[in-house]
C-alpha cells in the first residue's frame, strides 16, 4: 500500500509539474501573440500612412497607391545602384 501511495504521489507531482510548464508555455505564447498583433496594427497603420502620402484617401484604391509606392522605392534603389529584384 505504501508503495502504491508513493507511486501515486510521484505521478501526481509529475502531472502538476507538467501542468505548470504547460500553463507557462501558454502564457508565453499568449504574450507573443499580443506582440504580433501590436506589430500588425503598427504595420497596417504605416502602410495606410504611406498610401495616404502618395494620394489623398479615396482618390485611388490602396492597391493603386501601394503600386505607386513600390515604383518610387524601386526607382530610389536603382538610383543608388541597387537592383531591387536581387535585394
Protein backbone atom coordinates (compact mmCIF):
# COMPACT_ATOMS: atom_id res chain seq x y z
CA UNK A 1 0.00 0.00 0.00
CA UNK A 2 2.81 2.44 0.87
CA UNK A 3 4.47 1.64 -2.43
CA UNK A 4 1.27 2.38 -4.35
CA UNK A 5 0.84 5.66 -2.49
CA UNK A 6 4.44 6.63 -3.26
CA UNK A 7 3.95 5.81 -6.96
CA UNK A 8 0.67 7.77 -6.96
CA UNK A 9 2.31 10.78 -5.25
CA UNK A 10 5.20 10.71 -7.71
CA UNK A 11 2.84 10.60 -10.67
CA UNK A 12 0.77 13.42 -9.18
CA UNK A 13 3.91 15.58 -8.79
CA UNK A 14 4.85 14.83 -12.41
CA UNK A 15 1.38 15.86 -13.59
CA UNK A 16 1.48 19.05 -11.53
CA UNK A 17 4.90 19.94 -12.95
CA UNK A 18 3.68 19.27 -16.49
CA UNK A 19 0.57 21.41 -15.89
CA UNK A 20 2.77 24.24 -14.60
CA UNK A 21 5.08 24.04 -17.66
CA UNK A 22 2.08 23.95 -19.99
CA UNK A 23 0.50 26.96 -18.31
CA UNK A 24 3.74 28.91 -18.51
CA UNK A 25 4.15 27.96 -22.18
CA UNK A 26 0.57 29.06 -22.94
CA UNK A 27 1.16 32.37 -21.19
CA UNK A 28 4.36 32.93 -23.19
CA UNK A 29 2.52 32.13 -26.42
CA UNK A 30 -0.27 34.50 -25.43
CA UNK A 31 2.25 37.30 -24.86
CA UNK A 32 3.90 36.57 -28.21
CA UNK A 33 0.52 36.66 -29.99
CA UNK A 34 -0.22 40.01 -28.37
CA UNK A 35 3.14 41.37 -29.58
CA UNK A 36 2.45 40.09 -33.10
CA UNK A 37 -0.98 41.73 -33.05
CA UNK A 38 0.54 45.04 -31.99
CA UNK A 39 3.16 44.78 -34.74
CA UNK A 40 0.45 44.11 -37.32
CA UNK A 41 -1.54 47.14 -36.19
CA UNK A 42 1.60 49.26 -36.48
CA UNK A 43 2.46 47.82 -39.90
CA UNK A 44 -1.02 48.42 -41.31
CA UNK A 45 -1.02 51.92 -39.84
CA UNK A 46 2.31 52.61 -41.54
CA UNK A 47 1.01 51.25 -44.84
CA UNK A 48 -2.04 53.50 -44.59
CA UNK A 49 0.18 56.49 -43.82
CA UNK A 50 2.43 55.77 -46.79
CA UNK A 51 -0.55 55.22 -49.05
CA UNK A 52 -2.11 58.49 -47.90
CA UNK A 53 1.16 60.29 -48.65
CA UNK A 54 1.04 59.08 -52.25
CA UNK A 55 -2.55 60.17 -52.85
CA UNK A 56 -5.50 61.53 -50.99
CA UNK A 57 -7.72 58.86 -49.45
CA UNK A 58 -10.48 57.94 -51.83
CA UNK A 59 -8.66 59.16 -54.94
CA UNK A 60 -7.24 55.72 -55.70
CA UNK A 61 -7.55 52.29 -54.21
CA UNK A 62 -4.98 51.16 -51.67
CA UNK A 63 -3.56 48.74 -54.24
CA UNK A 64 -3.01 51.57 -56.73
CA UNK A 65 -1.34 53.71 -54.06
CA UNK A 66 0.87 50.84 -52.90
CA UNK A 67 1.90 50.21 -56.51
CA UNK A 68 2.96 53.84 -56.71
CA UNK A 69 4.98 53.48 -53.50
CA UNK A 70 6.64 50.36 -54.89
CA UNK A 71 7.61 52.17 -58.10
CA UNK A 72 9.10 55.06 -56.12
CA UNK A 73 11.09 52.69 -53.88
CA UNK A 74 12.36 50.73 -56.89
CA UNK A 75 13.41 53.97 -58.62
CA UNK A 76 15.26 55.07 -55.47
CA UNK A 77 17.01 51.72 -55.20
CA UNK A 78 18.08 51.78 -58.85
CA UNK A 79 19.36 55.35 -58.46
CA UNK A 80 21.61 54.04 -55.69
CA UNK A 81 22.85 51.18 -57.82
CA UNK A 82 20.73 48.54 -56.08
CA UNK A 83 18.82 46.02 -58.15
CA UNK A 84 15.50 45.63 -56.25
CA UNK A 85 14.87 42.26 -57.89
CA UNK A 86 18.02 40.86 -56.26
CA UNK A 87 17.66 42.57 -52.87
